[in-house]
Amino acid sequence: MILMSDPRVAAIPVRECGEPLVDVRTGPVPLLVDDRRSDPAGAFAHLREHVRDQLVEAQAQLPDGLRLLFVEGYRPLSLQTEYFQRYAQSLRAAHPQWTAPEVRDAASRYVSPPEIAPHSAGAAVDLTLVDAGGRELDMGTAINANPEDSEGACFTAATNITATAKANRTLLTTAMTAAGLQNYAFEWWHFSLGDRYWALVRQQPAALYGPKDWP
């Protein structure tokens, strides 16, 4: 399991392709979007265009009656920094004996360091599965459950979840992987494409997307 804070991730060069951010609620196949992470500008519902297109492809891979539920995509760098610093501070308070690198590594299981964050490149999405009635499937934990509160059940390959939750995670991961997206092993709900983490895991020479300013 490669941490987002791994120096090999930061070492991946970025060859920014200039692709725009697009709203996943529009387009030929609008995605179902939850509003729990919404912001007044609607930035959360945006992704790079190709990433959006591959989500549509992933949805087409799902069994009849299931859909993706999009929760959060693009995250401005200022918000990513706020999330990371807040979580790191909580870890420092709980573990005063930890060194700065230990805090950074532990924090990166749950929130990416801002300088390499896939969400701030418009390259990552947090999502889950719903049935035909819009009800979320049992995935073992809620989206954004942290490692401490979930006792590690948020990790994609966690064993301390039910067989049903494991099967549902496999459905999601299989569809997303087939569409070219890469899961972050510490968060069953997080997938990315074209960012530095994706490039490292997929053995690509460079990332396609770097940090993106909100228009």
N, C-alpha and C. Protein backbone atom coordinates (compact mmCIF):
# COMPACT_ATOMS: atom_id res chain seq x y z
N MET A 1 0.85 -1.19 0.00
CA MET A 1 0.00 0.00 0.00
C MET A 1 0.88 1.24 0.00
N ILE A 2 0.76 2.03 -1.04
CA ILE A 2 1.58 3.24 -1.19
C ILE A 2 0.85 4.43 -0.61
N LEU A 3 1.49 5.11 0.33
CA LEU A 3 0.91 6.31 0.91
C LEU A 3 0.98 7.48 -0.07
N MET A 4 0.03 8.38 0.03
CA MET A 4 0.05 9.57 -0.81
C MET A 4 1.28 10.43 -0.52
N SER A 5 1.81 10.31 0.72
CA SER A 5 2.99 11.09 1.11
C SER A 5 4.30 10.45 0.69
N ASP A 6 4.24 9.30 0.05
CA ASP A 6 5.46 8.61 -0.39
C ASP A 6 6.26 9.54 -1.32
N PRO A 7 7.55 9.70 -1.08
CA PRO A 7 8.35 10.59 -1.94
C PRO A 7 8.29 10.23 -3.42
N ARG A 8 8.02 8.98 -3.72
CA ARG A 8 7.93 8.56 -5.13
C ARG A 8 6.74 9.21 -5.83
N VAL A 9 5.69 9.52 -5.08
CA VAL A 9 4.54 10.20 -5.67
C VAL A 9 4.92 11.63 -6.05
N ALA A 10 5.54 12.34 -5.12
CA ALA A 10 5.96 13.72 -5.38
C ALA A 10 6.99 13.81 -6.49
N ALA A 11 7.75 12.74 -6.70
CA ALA A 11 8.80 12.75 -7.71
C ALA A 11 8.26 12.59 -9.13
N ILE A 12 7.00 12.20 -9.27
CA ILE A 12 6.42 12.05 -10.61
C ILE A 12 6.26 13.42 -11.24
N PRO A 13 6.78 13.64 -12.43
CA PRO A 13 6.60 14.95 -13.08
C PRO A 13 5.16 15.13 -13.57
N VAL A 14 4.77 16.37 -13.72
CA VAL A 14 3.44 16.70 -14.23
C VAL A 14 3.58 17.31 -15.61
N ARG A 15 2.93 16.72 -16.59
CA ARG A 15 2.87 17.29 -17.93
C ARG A 15 1.43 17.72 -18.16
N GLU A 16 1.11 18.89 -17.64
CA GLU A 16 -0.25 19.39 -17.65
C GLU A 16 -0.80 19.46 -19.07
N CYS A 17 -1.96 18.81 -19.27
CA CYS A 17 -2.53 18.75 -20.61
C CYS A 17 -3.52 19.89 -20.88
N GLY A 18 -3.87 20.64 -19.85
CA GLY A 18 -4.75 21.79 -20.04
C GLY A 18 -6.22 21.46 -20.17
N GLU A 19 -6.59 20.24 -19.88
CA GLU A 19 -7.99 19.84 -20.00
C GLU A 19 -8.86 20.62 -19.01
N PRO A 20 -10.04 21.02 -19.41
CA PRO A 20 -10.88 21.84 -18.52
C PRO A 20 -11.57 21.02 -17.45
N LEU A 21 -12.01 21.73 -16.41
CA LEU A 21 -12.93 21.15 -15.44
C LEU A 21 -14.34 21.20 -16.02
N VAL A 22 -15.11 20.13 -15.82
CA VAL A 22 -16.49 20.11 -16.30
C VAL A 22 -17.41 19.67 -15.15
N ASP A 23 -18.64 20.07 -15.25
CA ASP A 23 -19.64 19.75 -14.23
C ASP A 23 -20.21 18.37 -14.52
N VAL A 24 -20.09 17.44 -13.59
CA VAL A 24 -20.56 16.07 -13.83
C VAL A 24 -22.07 15.98 -13.79
N ARG A 25 -22.75 17.07 -13.39
CA ARG A 25 -24.21 17.07 -13.35
C ARG A 25 -24.80 17.40 -14.72
N THR A 26 -23.94 17.74 -15.69
CA THR A 26 -24.38 18.04 -17.04
C THR A 26 -23.66 17.10 -18.01
N GLY A 27 -23.91 17.28 -19.28
CA GLY A 27 -23.25 16.44 -20.28
C GLY A 27 -24.18 15.37 -20.80
N PRO A 28 -23.69 14.53 -21.71
CA PRO A 28 -24.53 13.50 -22.33
C PRO A 28 -25.14 12.53 -21.32
N VAL A 29 -24.37 12.19 -20.26
CA VAL A 29 -24.86 11.27 -19.22
C VAL A 29 -24.58 11.91 -17.87
N PRO A 30 -25.48 12.76 -17.36
CA PRO A 30 -25.26 13.39 -16.06
C PRO A 30 -25.17 12.33 -14.96
N LEU A 31 -24.27 12.55 -14.02
CA LEU A 31 -24.11 11.62 -12.91
C LEU A 31 -24.99 12.05 -11.73
N LEU A 32 -25.37 11.09 -10.93
CA LEU A 32 -26.13 11.36 -9.73
C LEU A 32 -25.19 11.95 -8.68
N VAL A 33 -25.48 13.14 -8.20
CA VAL A 33 -24.58 13.87 -7.30
C VAL A 33 -25.25 14.10 -5.95
N ASP A 34 -24.57 13.72 -4.90
CA ASP A 34 -25.00 13.97 -3.53
C ASP A 34 -24.53 15.36 -3.12
N ASP A 35 -25.22 15.98 -2.19
CA ASP A 35 -24.88 17.36 -1.84
C ASP A 35 -24.16 17.50 -0.50
N ARG A 36 -23.70 16.39 0.09
CA ARG A 36 -23.11 16.50 1.44
C ARG A 36 -21.81 17.29 1.46
N ARG A 37 -21.13 17.40 0.31
CA ARG A 37 -19.89 18.18 0.24
C ARG A 37 -20.06 19.40 -0.66
N SER A 38 -21.28 19.81 -0.88
CA SER A 38 -21.54 20.91 -1.82
C SER A 38 -20.98 22.23 -1.29
N ASP A 39 -20.69 23.12 -2.22
CA ASP A 39 -20.22 24.47 -1.91
C ASP A 39 -21.01 25.44 -2.78
N PRO A 40 -21.08 26.71 -2.40
CA PRO A 40 -21.91 27.66 -3.15
C PRO A 40 -21.58 27.75 -4.64
N ALA A 41 -20.30 27.60 -5.00
CA ALA A 41 -19.90 27.71 -6.40
C ALA A 41 -20.10 26.43 -7.18
N GLY A 42 -20.37 25.33 -6.48
CA GLY A 42 -20.52 24.05 -7.17
C GLY A 42 -19.22 23.42 -7.61
N ALA A 43 -18.10 23.88 -7.05
CA ALA A 43 -16.80 23.33 -7.44
C ALA A 43 -16.71 21.84 -7.18
N PHE A 44 -17.33 21.38 -6.10
CA PHE A 44 -17.24 19.98 -5.70
C PHE A 44 -17.74 19.01 -6.77
N ALA A 45 -18.61 19.48 -7.66
CA ALA A 45 -19.22 18.63 -8.68
C ALA A 45 -18.46 18.66 -10.00
N HIS A 46 -17.23 19.15 -9.98
CA HIS A 46 -16.43 19.24 -11.20
C HIS A 46 -15.25 18.26 -11.19
N LEU A 47 -14.88 17.84 -12.40
CA LEU A 47 -13.71 17.00 -12.63
C LEU A 47 -13.10 17.39 -13.97
N ARG A 48 -11.88 16.95 -14.21
CA ARG A 48 -11.34 17.08 -15.57
C ARG A 48 -12.23 16.27 -16.51
N GLU A 49 -12.31 16.74 -17.74
CA GLU A 49 -13.28 16.18 -18.69
C GLU A 49 -13.11 14.68 -18.91
N HIS A 50 -11.88 14.23 -19.10
CA HIS A 50 -11.67 12.81 -19.36
C HIS A 50 -12.00 11.96 -18.14
N VAL A 51 -11.72 12.49 -16.96
CA VAL A 51 -12.05 11.75 -15.74
C VAL A 51 -13.57 11.59 -15.64
N ARG A 52 -14.31 12.67 -15.93
CA ARG A 52 -15.77 12.58 -15.95
C ARG A 52 -16.24 11.53 -16.94
N ASP A 53 -15.66 11.53 -18.13
CA ASP A 53 -16.07 10.57 -19.15
C ASP A 53 -15.83 9.13 -18.70
N GLN A 54 -14.73 8.91 -17.98
CA GLN A 54 -14.44 7.55 -17.53
C GLN A 54 -15.33 7.13 -16.37
N LEU A 55 -15.85 8.08 -15.62
CA LEU A 55 -16.85 7.73 -14.62
C LEU A 55 -18.13 7.22 -15.29
N VAL A 56 -18.50 7.87 -16.37
CA VAL A 56 -19.66 7.41 -17.13
C VAL A 56 -19.42 5.99 -17.64
N GLU A 57 -18.21 5.74 -18.10
CA GLU A 57 -17.85 4.39 -18.56
C GLU A 57 -17.92 3.39 -17.41
N ALA A 58 -17.43 3.78 -16.23
CA ALA A 58 -17.48 2.89 -15.07
C ALA A 58 -18.92 2.56 -14.69
N GLN A 59 -19.78 3.57 -14.74
CA GLN A 59 -21.18 3.34 -14.41
C GLN A 59 -21.81 2.32 -15.35
N ALA A 60 -21.41 2.36 -16.62
CA ALA A 60 -21.94 1.42 -17.60
C ALA A 60 -21.50 -0.01 -17.31
N GLN A 61 -20.43 -0.18 -16.52
CA GLN A 61 -19.94 -1.51 -16.18
C GLN A 61 -20.71 -2.15 -15.03
N LEU A 62 -21.52 -1.36 -14.33
CA LEU A 62 -22.22 -1.86 -13.14
C LEU A 62 -23.41 -2.76 -13.51
N PRO A 63 -23.77 -3.67 -12.63
CA PRO A 63 -24.97 -4.49 -12.87
C PRO A 63 -26.22 -3.62 -12.97
N ASP A 64 -27.22 -4.14 -13.64
CA ASP A 64 -28.49 -3.41 -13.78
C ASP A 64 -29.04 -3.05 -12.39
N GLY A 65 -29.53 -1.83 -12.28
CA GLY A 65 -30.13 -1.38 -11.04
C GLY A 65 -29.19 -0.65 -10.11
N LEU A 66 -27.91 -0.62 -10.44
CA LEU A 66 -26.95 0.10 -9.61
C LEU A 66 -26.42 1.33 -10.33
N ARG A 67 -26.12 2.36 -9.56
CA ARG A 67 -25.56 3.59 -10.12
C ARG A 67 -24.45 4.10 -9.20
N LEU A 68 -23.60 4.93 -9.76
CA LEU A 68 -22.63 5.65 -8.95
C LEU A 68 -23.32 6.82 -8.27
N LEU A 69 -22.92 7.09 -7.04
CA LEU A 69 -23.35 8.30 -6.35
C LEU A 69 -22.10 9.14 -6.11
N PHE A 70 -21.99 10.23 -6.84
CA PHE A 70 -20.84 11.14 -6.81
C PHE A 70 -20.97 12.02 -5.56
N VAL A 71 -19.91 12.07 -4.75
CA VAL A 71 -19.95 12.86 -3.51
C VAL A 71 -19.03 14.08 -3.58
N GLU A 72 -17.81 13.92 -4.06
CA GLU A 72 -16.91 15.08 -4.16
C GLU A 72 -15.85 14.83 -5.21
N GLY A 73 -15.62 15.86 -6.02
CA GLY A 73 -14.57 15.80 -7.03
C GLY A 73 -13.52 16.86 -6.77
N TYR A 74 -13.58 17.93 -7.54
CA TYR A 74 -12.58 19.01 -7.41
C TYR A 74 -12.66 19.65 -6.04
N ARG A 75 -11.46 19.94 -5.49
CA ARG A 75 -11.35 20.59 -4.18
C ARG A 75 -10.29 21.68 -4.30
N PRO A 76 -10.65 22.95 -4.14
CA PRO A 76 -9.65 24.02 -4.22
C PRO A 76 -8.48 23.76 -3.26
N LEU A 77 -7.32 24.21 -3.67
CA LEU A 77 -6.11 23.95 -2.88
C LEU A 77 -6.23 24.50 -1.46
N SER A 78 -6.88 25.65 -1.31
CA SER A 78 -7.04 26.22 0.03
C SER A 78 -7.85 25.30 0.94
N LEU A 79 -8.89 24.66 0.39
CA LEU A 79 -9.71 23.75 1.17
C LEU A 79 -8.94 22.46 1.48
N GLN A 80 -8.18 21.97 0.49
CA GLN A 80 -7.35 20.78 0.72
C GLN A 80 -6.35 21.03 1.85
N THR A 81 -5.74 22.22 1.84
CA THR A 81 -4.79 22.58 2.89
C THR A 81 -5.46 22.62 4.25
N GLU A 82 -6.64 23.18 4.29
CA GLU A 82 -7.39 23.25 5.55
C GLU A 82 -7.69 21.86 6.09
N TYR A 83 -8.17 20.97 5.21
CA TYR A 83 -8.47 19.59 5.63
C TYR A 83 -7.22 18.89 6.17
N PHE A 84 -6.11 19.03 5.45
CA PHE A 84 -4.89 18.32 5.83
C PHE A 84 -4.37 18.85 7.17
N GLN A 85 -4.32 20.16 7.32
CA GLN A 85 -3.78 20.73 8.55
C GLN A 85 -4.65 20.39 9.75
N ARG A 86 -5.95 20.41 9.57
CA ARG A 86 -6.85 20.10 10.67
C ARG A 86 -6.68 18.64 11.13
N TYR A 87 -6.60 17.73 10.18
CA TYR A 87 -6.45 16.32 10.54
C TYR A 87 -5.08 16.05 11.14
N ALA A 88 -4.04 16.65 10.57
CA ALA A 88 -2.69 16.48 11.11
C ALA A 88 -2.62 17.00 12.54
N GLN A 89 -3.28 18.11 12.81
CA GLN A 89 -3.29 18.66 14.16
C GLN A 89 -3.96 17.71 15.14
N SER A 90 -5.04 17.07 14.72
CA SER A 90 -5.72 16.12 15.60
C SER A 90 -4.83 14.91 15.89
N LEU A 91 -4.04 14.49 14.91
CA LEU A 91 -3.11 13.38 15.13
C LEU A 91 -1.97 13.78 16.06
N ARG A 92 -1.47 15.01 15.90
CA ARG A 92 -0.40 15.48 16.80
C ARG A 92 -0.89 15.53 18.24
N ALA A 93 -2.13 15.97 18.41
CA ALA A 93 -2.69 16.05 19.76
C ALA A 93 -2.87 14.67 20.37
N ALA A 94 -3.27 13.71 19.55
CA ALA A 94 -3.49 12.35 20.06
C ALA A 94 -2.19 11.57 20.25
N HIS A 95 -1.14 11.96 19.50
CA HIS A 95 0.13 11.23 19.54
C HIS A 95 1.29 12.21 19.65
N PRO A 96 1.44 12.87 20.78
CA PRO A 96 2.49 13.90 20.90
C PRO A 96 3.90 13.36 20.73
N GLN A 97 4.07 12.05 20.84
CA GLN A 97 5.40 11.46 20.68
C GLN A 97 5.79 11.27 19.22
N TRP A 98 4.86 11.44 18.31
CA TRP A 98 5.16 11.22 16.89
C TRP A 98 6.02 12.35 16.35
N THR A 99 6.92 11.99 15.44
CA THR A 99 7.72 12.99 14.74
C THR A 99 6.88 13.64 13.64
N ALA A 100 7.38 14.74 13.08
CA ALA A 100 6.66 15.41 11.99
C ALA A 100 6.45 14.49 10.79
N PRO A 101 7.47 13.71 10.36
CA PRO A 101 7.24 12.78 9.24
C PRO A 101 6.20 11.71 9.58
N GLU A 102 6.17 11.25 10.82
CA GLU A 102 5.17 10.25 11.21
C GLU A 102 3.76 10.83 11.15
N VAL A 103 3.61 12.07 11.60
CA VAL A 103 2.30 12.73 11.52
C VAL A 103 1.89 12.89 10.06
N ARG A 104 2.82 13.32 9.22
CA ARG A 104 2.52 13.54 7.80
C ARG A 104 2.08 12.22 7.14
N ASP A 105 2.80 11.15 7.41
CA ASP A 105 2.45 9.86 6.81
C ASP A 105 1.09 9.38 7.29
N ALA A 106 0.85 9.49 8.59
CA ALA A 106 -0.43 9.05 9.14
C ALA A 106 -1.58 9.89 8.58
N ALA A 107 -1.36 11.18 8.47
CA ALA A 107 -2.40 12.06 7.94
C ALA A 107 -2.71 11.73 6.48
N SER A 108 -1.68 11.33 5.74
CA SER A 108 -1.87 11.11 4.30
C SER A 108 -2.65 9.84 4.00
N ARG A 109 -2.91 9.01 5.02
CA ARG A 109 -3.80 7.87 4.80
C ARG A 109 -5.22 8.35 4.53
N TYR A 110 -5.53 9.55 5.03
CA TYR A 110 -6.91 10.04 5.01
C TYR A 110 -7.08 11.34 4.23
N VAL A 111 -6.06 12.19 4.23
CA VAL A 111 -6.09 13.45 3.48
C VAL A 111 -4.74 13.63 2.79
N SER A 112 -4.77 13.85 1.51
CA SER A 112 -3.52 14.00 0.76
C SER A 112 -2.79 15.29 1.13
N PRO A 113 -1.47 15.25 1.22
CA PRO A 113 -0.72 16.51 1.35
C PRO A 113 -1.10 17.45 0.22
N PRO A 114 -1.34 18.71 0.50
CA PRO A 114 -1.89 19.63 -0.50
C PRO A 114 -1.10 19.72 -1.80
N GLU A 115 0.24 19.67 -1.72
CA GLU A 115 1.04 19.88 -2.91
C GLU A 115 0.92 18.78 -3.95
N ILE A 116 0.37 17.63 -3.57
CA ILE A 116 0.21 16.53 -4.54
C ILE A 116 -1.23 16.05 -4.63
N ALA A 117 -2.17 16.78 -4.04
CA ALA A 117 -3.54 16.30 -3.89
C ALA A 117 -4.24 16.07 -5.22
N PRO A 118 -4.70 14.85 -5.48
CA PRO A 118 -5.45 14.58 -6.72
C PRO A 118 -6.74 15.38 -6.83
N HIS A 119 -7.42 15.61 -5.70
CA HIS A 119 -8.67 16.38 -5.75
C HIS A 119 -8.43 17.79 -6.26
N SER A 120 -7.32 18.40 -5.87
CA SER A 120 -7.03 19.78 -6.28
C SER A 120 -6.57 19.88 -7.73
N ALA A 121 -6.33 18.73 -8.34
CA ALA A 121 -6.04 18.69 -9.78
C ALA A 121 -7.30 18.39 -10.59
N GLY A 122 -8.41 18.17 -9.92
CA GLY A 122 -9.63 17.78 -10.62
C GLY A 122 -9.55 16.37 -11.15
N ALA A 123 -8.67 15.56 -10.54
CA ALA A 123 -8.39 14.22 -11.04
C ALA A 123 -8.92 13.12 -10.16
N ALA A 124 -9.56 13.46 -9.04
CA ALA A 124 -10.01 12.45 -8.08
C ALA A 124 -11.47 12.65 -7.73
N VAL A 125 -12.10 11.54 -7.35
CA VAL A 125 -13.51 11.56 -6.99
C VAL A 125 -13.73 10.66 -5.79
N ASP A 126 -14.60 11.10 -4.89
CA ASP A 126 -15.10 10.28 -3.80
C ASP A 126 -16.53 9.89 -4.15
N LEU A 127 -16.82 8.60 -4.12
CA LEU A 127 -18.14 8.14 -4.54
C LEU A 127 -18.49 6.82 -3.90
N THR A 128 -19.74 6.42 -4.10
CA THR A 128 -20.22 5.13 -3.61
C THR A 128 -21.26 4.59 -4.59
N LEU A 129 -21.94 3.54 -4.19
CA LEU A 129 -22.96 2.91 -5.03
C LEU A 129 -24.35 3.08 -4.41
N VAL A 130 -25.35 3.23 -5.28
CA VAL A 130 -26.74 3.26 -4.83
C VAL A 130 -27.56 2.30 -5.69
N ASP A 131 -28.70 1.87 -5.12
CA ASP A 131 -29.59 1.00 -5.88
C ASP A 131 -30.57 1.83 -6.69
N ALA A 132 -31.50 1.16 -7.33
CA ALA A 132 -32.44 1.85 -8.22
C ALA A 132 -33.30 2.87 -7.48
N GLY A 133 -33.47 2.67 -6.17
CA GLY A 133 -34.25 3.61 -5.38
C GLY A 133 -33.43 4.73 -4.77
N GLY A 134 -32.12 4.77 -5.11
CA GLY A 134 -31.25 5.81 -4.59
C GLY A 134 -30.69 5.53 -3.22
N ARG A 135 -30.88 4.31 -2.71
CA ARG A 135 -30.36 3.96 -1.40
C ARG A 135 -28.91 3.51 -1.50
N GLU A 136 -28.06 4.03 -0.62
CA GLU A 136 -26.66 3.66 -0.63
C GLU A 136 -26.48 2.20 -0.22
N LEU A 137 -25.59 1.51 -0.92
CA LEU A 137 -25.29 0.13 -0.58
C LEU A 137 -24.39 0.08 0.65
N ASP A 138 -24.40 -1.04 1.33
CA ASP A 138 -23.53 -1.25 2.48
C ASP A 138 -22.10 -1.42 1.99
N MET A 139 -21.24 -0.45 2.35
CA MET A 139 -19.84 -0.51 1.95
C MET A 139 -18.92 -0.74 3.15
N GLY A 140 -19.49 -1.00 4.30
CA GLY A 140 -18.68 -1.29 5.47
C GLY A 140 -18.45 -0.10 6.38
N THR A 141 -18.29 1.07 5.80
CA THR A 141 -18.17 2.32 6.55
C THR A 141 -18.85 3.41 5.72
N ALA A 142 -19.06 4.54 6.36
CA ALA A 142 -19.50 5.71 5.61
C ALA A 142 -18.34 6.26 4.79
N ILE A 143 -18.66 6.98 3.73
CA ILE A 143 -17.62 7.71 3.00
C ILE A 143 -16.95 8.68 3.98
N ASN A 144 -15.64 8.79 3.86
CA ASN A 144 -14.82 9.70 4.67
C ASN A 144 -14.69 9.25 6.12
N ALA A 145 -14.97 7.97 6.41
CA ALA A 145 -14.64 7.45 7.74
C ALA A 145 -13.13 7.43 7.88
N ASN A 146 -12.62 7.90 8.99
CA ASN A 146 -11.16 7.92 9.12
C ASN A 146 -10.64 6.62 9.73
N PRO A 147 -9.34 6.35 9.62
CA PRO A 147 -8.79 5.08 10.10
C PRO A 147 -8.98 4.86 11.59
N GLU A 148 -8.94 5.95 12.37
CA GLU A 148 -9.06 5.80 13.82
C GLU A 148 -10.48 5.39 14.22
N ASP A 149 -11.47 6.13 13.74
CA ASP A 149 -12.85 5.84 14.13
C ASP A 149 -13.36 4.53 13.56
N SER A 150 -12.87 4.14 12.39
CA SER A 150 -13.35 2.91 11.74
C SER A 150 -12.49 1.70 12.05
N GLU A 151 -11.44 1.89 12.85
CA GLU A 151 -10.49 0.81 13.16
C GLU A 151 -9.94 0.16 11.89
N GLY A 152 -9.67 1.03 10.91
CA GLY A 152 -9.09 0.56 9.66
C GLY A 152 -10.08 -0.02 8.67
N ALA A 153 -11.37 -0.02 9.01
CA ALA A 153 -12.36 -0.59 8.10
C ALA A 153 -12.53 0.26 6.84
N CYS A 154 -12.02 1.50 6.85
CA CYS A 154 -12.08 2.35 5.66
C CYS A 154 -11.08 1.90 4.59
N PHE A 155 -10.09 1.10 4.96
CA PHE A 155 -9.13 0.61 3.97
C PHE A 155 -9.86 -0.31 3.01
N THR A 156 -9.57 -0.20 1.74
CA THR A 156 -10.33 -0.93 0.72
C THR A 156 -10.35 -2.43 0.96
N ALA A 157 -9.23 -3.00 1.36
CA ALA A 157 -9.13 -4.45 1.56
C ALA A 157 -9.35 -4.85 3.01
N ALA A 158 -10.00 -4.02 3.79
CA ALA A 158 -10.23 -4.32 5.21
C ALA A 158 -10.95 -5.65 5.37
N THR A 159 -10.60 -6.36 6.42
CA THR A 159 -11.23 -7.65 6.70
C THR A 159 -12.31 -7.56 7.78
N ASN A 160 -12.35 -6.44 8.49
CA ASN A 160 -13.32 -6.30 9.58
C ASN A 160 -14.63 -5.66 9.12
N ILE A 161 -15.12 -6.14 7.97
CA ILE A 161 -16.41 -5.71 7.43
C ILE A 161 -17.17 -6.96 6.99
N THR A 162 -18.45 -6.81 6.72
CA THR A 162 -19.28 -7.96 6.36
C THR A 162 -18.98 -8.45 4.94
N ALA A 163 -19.41 -9.66 4.67
CA ALA A 163 -19.24 -10.22 3.33
C ALA A 163 -19.99 -9.39 2.30
N THR A 164 -21.14 -8.86 2.68
CA THR A 164 -21.91 -8.01 1.76
C THR A 164 -21.14 -6.75 1.41
N ALA A 165 -20.56 -6.12 2.41
CA ALA A 165 -19.79 -4.90 2.18
C ALA A 165 -18.58 -5.20 1.30
N LYS A 166 -17.91 -6.33 1.54
CA LYS A 166 -16.77 -6.70 0.71
C LYS A 166 -17.19 -6.88 -0.74
N ALA A 167 -18.34 -7.54 -0.95
CA ALA A 167 -18.82 -7.76 -2.31
C ALA A 167 -19.16 -6.44 -2.99
N ASN A 168 -19.76 -5.53 -2.25
CA ASN A 168 -20.10 -4.23 -2.83
C ASN A 168 -18.85 -3.41 -3.16
N ARG A 169 -17.85 -3.48 -2.31
CA ARG A 169 -16.59 -2.80 -2.63
C ARG A 169 -15.95 -3.39 -3.88
N THR A 170 -16.04 -4.71 -4.01
CA THR A 170 -15.48 -5.35 -5.20
C THR A 170 -16.20 -4.89 -6.46
N LEU A 171 -17.53 -4.76 -6.39
CA LEU A 171 -18.31 -4.26 -7.54
C LEU A 171 -17.82 -2.87 -7.95
N LEU A 172 -17.68 -1.99 -6.96
CA LEU A 172 -17.26 -0.62 -7.24
C LEU A 172 -15.85 -0.58 -7.80
N THR A 173 -14.93 -1.25 -7.14
CA THR A 173 -13.53 -1.21 -7.56
C THR A 173 -13.34 -1.84 -8.93
N THR A 174 -14.04 -2.92 -9.21
CA THR A 174 -13.91 -3.59 -10.51
C THR A 174 -14.37 -2.67 -11.64
N ALA A 175 -15.51 -2.01 -11.45
CA ALA A 175 -16.02 -1.11 -12.48
C ALA A 175 -15.10 0.09 -12.69
N MET A 176 -14.63 0.65 -11.60
CA MET A 176 -13.76 1.83 -11.71
C MET A 176 -12.41 1.48 -12.32
N THR A 177 -11.86 0.35 -11.92
CA THR A 177 -10.57 -0.07 -12.47
C THR A 177 -10.67 -0.36 -13.96
N ALA A 178 -11.77 -0.99 -14.37
CA ALA A 178 -11.98 -1.28 -15.79
C ALA A 178 -12.05 -0.01 -16.62
N ALA A 179 -12.47 1.09 -16.01
CA ALA A 179 -12.56 2.37 -16.70
C ALA A 179 -11.27 3.18 -16.59
N GLY A 180 -10.25 2.60 -15.97
CA GLY A 180 -8.95 3.25 -15.94
C GLY A 180 -8.64 4.06 -14.71
N LEU A 181 -9.52 4.05 -13.72
CA LEU A 181 -9.28 4.81 -12.50
C LEU A 181 -8.58 3.96 -11.45
N GLN A 182 -7.83 4.62 -10.58
CA GLN A 182 -7.02 3.95 -9.58
C GLN A 182 -7.56 4.22 -8.18
N ASN A 183 -7.83 3.15 -7.43
CA ASN A 183 -8.26 3.32 -6.05
C ASN A 183 -7.08 3.68 -5.14
N TYR A 184 -7.36 4.45 -4.10
CA TYR A 184 -6.38 4.70 -3.04
C TYR A 184 -6.68 3.70 -1.94
N ALA A 185 -5.75 2.80 -1.66
CA ALA A 185 -6.01 1.63 -0.83
C ALA A 185 -6.42 1.95 0.60
N PHE A 186 -6.22 3.19 1.05
CA PHE A 186 -6.60 3.57 2.40
C PHE A 186 -8.02 4.13 2.48
N GLU A 187 -8.65 4.32 1.30
CA GLU A 187 -10.00 4.89 1.24
C GLU A 187 -10.79 4.16 0.15
N TRP A 188 -11.73 3.34 0.53
CA TRP A 188 -12.45 2.53 -0.47
C TRP A 188 -13.22 3.40 -1.47
N TRP A 189 -13.53 4.64 -1.09
CA TRP A 189 -14.38 5.52 -1.90
C TRP A 189 -13.60 6.42 -2.86
N HIS A 190 -12.27 6.44 -2.76
CA HIS A 190 -11.46 7.41 -3.50
C HIS A 190 -10.82 6.77 -4.73
N PHE A 191 -11.04 7.40 -5.89
CA PHE A 191 -10.46 6.92 -7.14
C PHE A 191 -9.92 8.12 -7.92
N SER A 192 -8.87 7.90 -8.67
CA SER A 192 -8.29 9.01 -9.44
C SER A 192 -7.77 8.52 -10.79
N LEU A 193 -7.53 9.50 -11.66
CA LEU A 193 -7.01 9.21 -12.99
C LEU A 193 -6.21 10.42 -13.46
N GLY A 194 -4.99 10.20 -13.89
CA GLY A 194 -4.19 11.27 -14.47
C GLY A 194 -3.36 12.06 -13.49
N ASP A 195 -3.46 11.78 -12.21
CA ASP A 195 -2.69 12.49 -11.19
C ASP A 195 -1.37 11.75 -10.92
N ARG A 196 -0.56 12.28 -10.02
CA ARG A 196 0.74 11.68 -9.73
C ARG A 196 0.63 10.29 -9.10
N TYR A 197 -0.31 10.13 -8.19
CA TYR A 197 -0.48 8.81 -7.56
C TYR A 197 -0.86 7.77 -8.60
N TRP A 198 -1.82 8.08 -9.44
CA TRP A 198 -2.23 7.20 -10.54
C TRP A 198 -1.03 6.87 -11.42
N ALA A 199 -0.24 7.87 -11.76
CA ALA A 199 0.91 7.66 -12.64
C ALA A 199 1.93 6.71 -12.00
N LEU A 200 2.17 6.86 -10.70
CA LEU A 200 3.12 5.97 -10.04
C LEU A 200 2.63 4.54 -10.02
N VAL A 201 1.39 4.34 -9.60
CA VAL A 201 0.86 2.99 -9.48
C VAL A 201 0.70 2.34 -10.86
N ARG A 202 0.30 3.12 -11.85
CA ARG A 202 0.10 2.58 -13.19
C ARG A 202 1.39 2.60 -14.03
N GLN A 203 2.50 2.99 -13.41
CA GLN A 203 3.82 3.01 -14.06
C GLN A 203 3.81 3.87 -15.33
N GLN A 204 3.22 5.06 -15.19
CA GLN A 204 3.21 6.03 -16.27
C GLN A 204 4.36 7.03 -16.06
N PRO A 205 4.92 7.58 -17.13
CA PRO A 205 6.09 8.46 -16.97
C PRO A 205 5.78 9.80 -16.34
N ALA A 206 4.52 10.24 -16.42
CA ALA A 206 4.17 11.56 -15.90
C ALA A 206 2.68 11.63 -15.62
N ALA A 207 2.32 12.58 -14.75
CA ALA A 207 0.91 12.87 -14.51
C ALA A 207 0.38 13.76 -15.62
N LEU A 208 -0.90 13.66 -15.89
CA LEU A 208 -1.55 14.47 -16.92
C LEU A 208 -2.11 15.77 -16.36
N TYR A 209 -2.38 15.77 -15.05
CA TYR A 209 -3.05 16.90 -14.42
C TYR A 209 -2.28 17.35 -13.18
N GLY A 210 -2.05 18.67 -13.08
CA GLY A 210 -1.48 19.26 -11.89
C GLY A 210 -2.54 20.09 -11.17
N PRO A 211 -2.17 20.76 -10.08
CA PRO A 211 -3.13 21.59 -9.34
C PRO A 211 -3.82 22.59 -10.27
N LYS A 212 -5.11 22.73 -10.06
CA LYS A 212 -5.93 23.56 -10.95
C LYS A 212 -6.65 24.63 -10.14
N ASP A 213 -6.51 25.89 -10.58
CA ASP A 213 -7.25 26.97 -9.93
C ASP A 213 -8.71 26.91 -10.34
N TRP A 214 -9.57 27.23 -9.39
CA TRP A 214 -11.00 27.32 -9.71
C TRP A 214 -11.22 28.55 -10.58
N PRO A 215 -11.96 28.42 -11.66
CA PRO A 215 -12.15 29.57 -12.58
C PRO A 215 -12.69 30.80 -11.89
